[in-house]
Protein backbone atom coordinates (compact mmCIF):
# COMPACT_ATOMS: atom_id res chain seq x y z
CA MET A 1 47.46 3.57 -5.37
CA LYS A 2 43.78 2.46 -5.55
CA THR A 3 42.69 -1.04 -4.65
CA ALA A 4 40.54 -3.07 -7.05
CA TYR A 5 37.49 -2.33 -4.91
CA GLU A 6 38.10 1.45 -4.88
CA SER A 7 38.55 1.42 -8.67
CA ALA A 8 35.30 -0.45 -9.19
CA VAL A 9 33.39 1.91 -6.89
CA ALA A 10 34.92 4.99 -8.54
CA ASP A 11 34.05 3.72 -12.03
CA ARG A 12 30.42 3.11 -11.12
CA ALA A 13 28.44 6.26 -11.78
CA ALA A 14 26.11 7.40 -9.01
CA PRO A 15 22.48 7.55 -10.10
CA THR A 16 21.28 11.04 -10.92
CA GLY A 17 18.36 11.75 -8.68
CA GLN A 18 15.78 14.47 -8.52
CA VAL A 19 13.18 15.68 -6.08
CA LEU A 20 9.59 14.78 -6.95
CA LYS A 21 6.91 16.80 -5.18
CA GLY A 22 3.27 15.87 -4.92
CA GLN A 23 0.45 14.18 -3.05
CA TYR A 24 0.80 10.74 -1.50
CA ALA A 25 -1.91 8.74 -3.31
CA GLY A 26 -1.45 5.41 -1.53
CA ALA A 27 0.89 2.47 -1.10
CA TYR A 28 2.29 0.56 -4.06
CA ARG A 29 1.97 -3.17 -3.31
CA SER A 30 3.32 -6.41 -4.78
CA ASP A 31 0.98 -9.08 -6.14
CA LYS A 32 1.08 -10.71 -2.69
CA GLY A 33 -0.06 -7.47 -1.00
CA LYS A 34 3.26 -6.47 0.56
CA ILE A 35 4.06 -2.76 0.58
CA LYS A 36 6.87 -2.02 -1.87
CA GLY A 37 6.61 1.73 -2.32
CA LEU A 38 4.25 4.63 -2.86
CA LEU A 39 2.14 6.25 -5.52
CA LEU A 40 2.82 9.96 -5.90
CA ARG A 41 0.37 12.23 -7.72
CA SER A 42 2.07 15.29 -9.17
CA GLY A 43 -0.46 17.36 -11.07
CA GLU A 44 -2.11 14.95 -13.50
CA THR A 45 0.87 12.55 -13.48
CA GLU A 46 1.15 9.61 -11.10
CA PHE A 47 4.56 8.13 -10.27
CA THR A 48 5.16 4.62 -8.95
CA ILE A 49 8.12 4.87 -6.58
CA LYS A 50 9.82 1.87 -4.99
CA LEU A 51 11.07 2.46 -1.44
CA PRO A 52 13.98 0.84 0.39
CA LYS A 53 12.83 -1.55 3.12
CA TYR A 54 13.72 0.79 5.97
CA LEU A 55 11.36 3.50 4.63
CA ARG A 56 8.31 1.27 4.00
CA PRO A 57 6.93 1.23 7.58
CA MET A 58 6.79 5.04 7.46
CA LEU A 59 3.98 4.85 4.87
CA VAL A 60 1.64 3.16 7.31
CA ARG A 61 2.67 5.09 10.43
CA GLU A 62 3.21 8.63 9.20
CA LEU A 63 1.48 9.25 5.85
CA ALA A 64 -2.17 9.46 4.93
CA PRO A 65 -3.49 9.68 1.36
CA GLY A 66 -3.59 13.34 0.38
CA ASP A 67 -0.48 14.36 2.36
CA PHE A 68 2.02 16.43 0.39
CA VAL A 69 5.54 14.97 0.29
CA GLN A 70 8.82 15.40 -1.50
CA VAL A 71 10.68 12.28 -2.64
CA TRP A 72 14.32 12.20 -3.67
CA ALA A 73 14.37 9.46 -6.31
CA TYR A 74 16.04 8.33 -9.51
CA PRO A 75 14.50 6.59 -12.54
CA GLU A 76 15.03 2.85 -12.82
CA ASP A 77 13.37 0.97 -15.69
CA GLU A 78 9.63 1.77 -15.61
CA ARG A 79 9.59 2.95 -11.99
CA TRP A 80 11.40 5.33 -9.73
CA ARG A 81 13.56 4.23 -6.80
CA ALA A 82 13.41 6.47 -3.73
CA VAL A 83 16.30 7.41 -1.51
CA ASN A 84 14.34 9.53 0.97
CA VAL A 85 10.80 10.80 1.65
CA LEU A 86 10.07 14.00 3.57
CA PRO A 87 6.90 15.99 4.25
CA LEU A 88 6.53 19.01 2.03
CA PRO A 89 6.65 22.36 3.86
CA GLU A 90 3.17 23.83 4.28
CA CYS A 91 3.90 26.90 2.10
CA GLU A 92 5.02 24.69 -0.82
CA ALA A 93 2.00 22.40 -0.37
CA GLU A 94 -0.33 25.43 -0.58
CA THR A 95 1.43 26.60 -3.76
CA LEU A 96 0.96 23.17 -5.37
CA LYS A 97 -2.72 23.08 -4.35
CA GLN A 98 -3.25 26.46 -6.06
CA GLN A 99 -1.38 25.39 -9.22
CA TRP A 100 -3.26 22.10 -9.57
CA GLY A 101 -6.62 23.60 -8.64
CA ASP A 102 -9.54 21.36 -9.62
CA LEU A 103 -7.86 17.96 -9.30
CA THR A 104 -9.83 15.51 -7.19
CA PRO A 105 -8.23 14.83 -3.83
CA ALA A 106 -6.14 11.66 -3.61
CA THR A 107 -8.59 10.23 -1.07
CA GLU A 108 -11.53 10.27 -3.53
CA VAL A 109 -11.19 7.50 -6.08
CA PRO A 110 -14.12 6.64 -8.34
CA GLN A 111 -15.37 3.12 -7.60
CA SER A 112 -14.60 1.98 -11.15
CA GLN A 113 -10.93 2.89 -10.57
CA GLN A 114 -10.63 1.69 -6.96
CA LYS A 115 -7.68 -0.52 -6.18
CA ARG A 116 -8.48 -4.16 -5.57
CA LEU A 117 -8.38 -5.01 -1.88
CA CYS A 118 -7.75 -8.56 -0.73
CA ILE A 119 -8.69 -10.02 2.65
CA GLU A 120 -6.57 -13.08 3.44
CA VAL A 121 -8.06 -15.88 5.53
CA CYS A 122 -5.83 -18.52 7.14
CA SER A 123 -6.73 -21.91 5.69
CA LYS A 124 -4.36 -24.10 7.69
CA GLY A 125 -4.98 -26.52 10.53
CA LYS A 126 -6.41 -25.08 13.71
CA CYS A 127 -7.62 -21.79 12.17
CA PHE A 128 -9.63 -23.58 9.52
CA LYS A 129 -11.15 -25.90 12.16
CA GLN A 130 -11.97 -22.95 14.45
CA GLY A 131 -14.15 -21.31 11.83
CA GLY A 132 -11.77 -20.19 9.08
CA ARG A 133 -13.71 -22.18 6.47
CA GLN A 134 -17.03 -20.59 7.48
CA THR A 135 -15.43 -17.13 7.66
CA TYR A 136 -13.95 -17.55 4.17
CA HIS A 137 -17.29 -18.63 2.66
CA ALA A 138 -19.25 -15.92 4.51
CA LEU A 139 -16.84 -13.23 3.28
CA GLN A 140 -17.06 -14.55 -0.29
CA THR A 141 -20.87 -14.54 -0.12
CA ALA A 142 -20.99 -11.00 1.31
CA ILE A 143 -18.66 -9.75 -1.44
CA ASP A 144 -20.61 -11.53 -4.21
CA ASP A 145 -23.96 -10.22 -2.93
CA ASN A 146 -22.92 -6.55 -2.60
CA PRO A 147 -22.00 -4.61 -5.80
CA GLU A 148 -20.34 -1.92 -3.65
CA LEU A 149 -17.72 -4.52 -2.70
CA SER A 150 -16.71 -5.37 -6.28
CA HIS A 151 -13.18 -4.09 -5.53
CA VAL A 152 -12.74 -6.52 -2.59
CA SER A 153 -11.65 -10.14 -2.88
CA VAL A 154 -10.98 -12.91 -0.39
CA LYS A 155 -8.07 -15.34 -0.56
CA ALA A 156 -7.17 -18.46 1.44
CA THR A 157 -3.55 -18.35 2.65
CA GLY A 158 -1.08 -20.37 4.63
CA CYS A 159 -0.41 -20.23 8.35
CA MET A 160 -0.27 -16.74 9.88
CA LYS A 161 1.53 -17.96 13.04
CA ALA A 162 -1.31 -17.06 15.43
CA CYS A 163 -3.04 -20.45 15.66
CA LYS A 164 -4.25 -19.98 19.26
CA HIS A 165 -6.25 -16.92 18.22
CA GLY A 166 -7.93 -18.35 15.11
CA PRO A 167 -9.61 -17.93 12.82
CA ASN A 168 -7.17 -15.28 11.58
CA LEU A 169 -7.65 -12.68 8.85
CA ARG A 170 -5.18 -10.19 7.34
CA LEU A 171 -6.49 -6.95 5.89
CA PRO A 172 -4.82 -5.16 2.93
CA SER A 173 -3.25 -2.71 5.41
CA GLY A 174 -1.40 -5.65 6.98
CA GLN A 175 -3.52 -5.53 10.15
CA MET A 176 -4.32 -8.96 11.60
CA LEU A 177 -7.80 -9.74 12.94
CA HIS A 178 -8.29 -12.61 15.36
CA ARG A 179 -11.64 -14.36 15.87
CA ALA A 180 -13.25 -11.70 13.68
CA SER A 181 -16.56 -12.06 11.91
CA PRO A 182 -16.88 -11.25 8.19
CA ALA A 183 -18.89 -8.13 9.09
CA GLU A 184 -16.03 -6.89 11.32
CA ALA A 185 -13.48 -7.48 8.56
CA LEU A 186 -15.57 -5.58 6.00
CA ALA A 187 -16.16 -2.76 8.50
CA LYS A 188 -12.39 -2.42 9.03
CA LEU A 189 -12.05 -1.83 5.26
CA GLY A 190 -14.33 1.18 5.61
CA THR A 191 -17.06 -0.44 3.53
CA LYS A 192 -20.67 -1.06 4.41
CA ARG A 193 -22.12 -4.49 4.23
């Protein structure tokens, strides 16, 4: 005899998943800049795939844009939800490269289509008094004066819990910078001032 729980679990259909193969094109982020998943380029199609929390740190530590991966995922609304991400075997990656041929590599994005990057500056208490205000305004001026930085923005945020090391900045990658100048922050983005 089944319990009520076993009946409910048995009646719920398991999602039908499939393996998506392609190039890791970058992290998919929330409006607040937190990593939520990945962008997968498969031929001329790009998939937005949400990852479970335990897989998200892997994006930063183990994957670089352009790496070939296979993602077991299932469709959910307008996105895909991943169950697992694995590197694609080298022979399969070579086959995909030959099939797709002339596609631009995932690392080369035209400036008009570049993702917006946001540098967060702590605007609370001690950080702001230790130069956060000046850092914020200097970053904003540098961004406004340089057309190559049109994809970068600066945002004042709440406490980053590192008051002794202020002023504090957080880059789009999640990396914290302590006592950093605006030039250092922009250099860490890989842009030239």
